[in-house]
Amino acid sequence: MLNQIVMVAMIGVGIALLLNLWALLRGPSVPDRLLALDTMYINSIALLLCYGIYAASILHFEAALLIAMLGFVSTVAVCKFMLRGDIIE
């Protein structure tokens, strides 16, 4: 029963990833595209965690943690670049 529920969740998150990709490509402004990219990070983490539950593997959880850290740092760097024009002061 858990495998079917996880598969349904994976399908839902996969559809959300596709919709985020569409928003990333058609976004009218840079902040909209940045928000779509940040949401794609979150959805990819959720997809990886669902697959880790499905495969009963601990390795996928560590990869999701790594993606979360990289997503946070890259979002902060891009926002800082958008506000100030440079990343390192």
Protein backbone atom coordinates (compact mmCIF):
# COMPACT_ATOMS: atom_id res chain seq x y z
CA MET A 1 0.00 0.00 0.00
CA LEU A 2 2.84 2.40 0.82
CA ASN A 3 4.45 1.80 -2.58
CA GLN A 4 1.30 2.91 -4.42
CA ILE A 5 0.97 6.03 -2.28
CA VAL A 6 4.61 6.93 -2.86
CA MET A 7 4.19 6.42 -6.62
CA VAL A 8 1.15 8.74 -6.66
CA ALA A 9 3.17 11.33 -4.72
CA MET A 10 6.04 10.97 -7.18
CA ILE A 11 3.70 11.51 -10.11
CA GLY A 12 2.26 14.63 -8.45
CA VAL A 13 5.70 16.05 -7.72
CA GLY A 14 6.81 15.22 -11.28
CA ILE A 15 3.87 17.18 -12.66
CA ALA A 16 4.75 20.06 -10.35
CA LEU A 17 8.32 19.97 -11.69
CA LEU A 18 7.07 20.20 -15.25
CA LEU A 19 4.83 23.13 -14.37
CA ASN A 20 7.77 24.85 -12.68
CA LEU A 21 9.86 24.33 -15.79
CA TRP A 22 7.12 25.91 -17.86
CA ALA A 23 6.98 28.89 -15.45
CA LEU A 24 10.77 29.16 -15.61
CA LEU A 25 10.74 29.34 -19.40
CA ARG A 26 7.87 31.79 -19.78
CA GLY A 27 8.42 33.97 -16.69
CA PRO A 28 7.95 37.62 -17.60
CA SER A 29 10.63 38.90 -15.23
CA VAL A 30 13.83 37.72 -13.57
CA PRO A 31 12.33 37.47 -10.04
CA ASP A 32 9.54 35.25 -11.38
CA ARG A 33 12.09 32.97 -12.99
CA LEU A 34 14.16 32.91 -9.82
CA LEU A 35 11.11 31.90 -7.81
CA ALA A 36 10.32 29.13 -10.29
CA LEU A 37 13.91 27.88 -10.07
CA ASP A 38 13.81 27.91 -6.27
CA THR A 39 10.56 25.97 -6.32
CA MET A 40 12.15 23.47 -8.70
CA TYR A 41 14.85 22.86 -6.10
CA ILE A 42 12.22 22.13 -3.48
CA ASN A 43 10.27 19.84 -5.79
CA SER A 44 13.40 17.95 -6.83
CA ILE A 45 14.20 17.39 -3.16
CA ALA A 46 10.66 16.06 -2.60
CA LEU A 47 10.96 13.78 -5.64
CA LEU A 48 14.29 12.45 -4.44
CA LEU A 49 12.93 11.83 -0.95
CA CYS A 50 9.90 10.00 -2.35
CA TYR A 51 12.19 7.82 -4.45
CA GLY A 52 14.34 7.17 -1.38
CA ILE A 53 11.27 5.97 0.50
CA TYR A 54 10.23 3.84 -2.47
CA ALA A 55 13.68 2.25 -2.88
CA ALA A 56 14.32 2.06 0.91
CA SER A 57 17.71 3.69 0.47
CA ILE A 58 19.48 6.04 2.84
CA LEU A 59 21.73 7.42 0.10
CA HIS A 60 18.88 9.37 -1.50
CA PHE A 61 18.29 11.31 1.71
CA GLU A 62 21.89 12.48 1.77
CA ALA A 63 21.63 13.57 -1.86
CA ALA A 64 18.46 15.51 -1.05
CA LEU A 65 20.28 17.27 1.78
CA LEU A 66 23.09 18.21 -0.58
CA ILE A 67 20.63 19.61 -3.14
CA ALA A 68 18.94 21.60 -0.37
CA MET A 69 22.22 23.19 0.71
CA LEU A 70 23.25 24.03 -2.85
CA GLY A 71 19.80 25.41 -3.64
CA PHE A 72 19.85 27.70 -0.63
CA VAL A 73 23.34 29.03 -1.34
CA SER A 74 22.63 29.61 -5.03
CA THR A 75 19.34 31.39 -4.28
CA VAL A 76 21.08 33.71 -1.81
CA ALA A 77 23.87 34.41 -4.31
CA VAL A 78 21.50 35.21 -7.17
CA CYS A 79 19.31 37.43 -4.96
CA LYS A 80 22.38 39.29 -3.73
CA PHE A 81 23.52 39.75 -7.33
CA MET A 82 20.10 41.06 -8.35
CA LEU A 83 20.03 43.59 -5.50
CA ARG A 84 23.60 44.89 -5.53
CA GLY A 85 25.11 43.92 -8.87
CA ASP A 86 27.93 41.92 -7.30
CA ILE A 87 28.15 38.88 -5.08
CA ILE A 88 31.33 39.52 -3.12
CA GLU A 89 31.69 42.91 -1.48
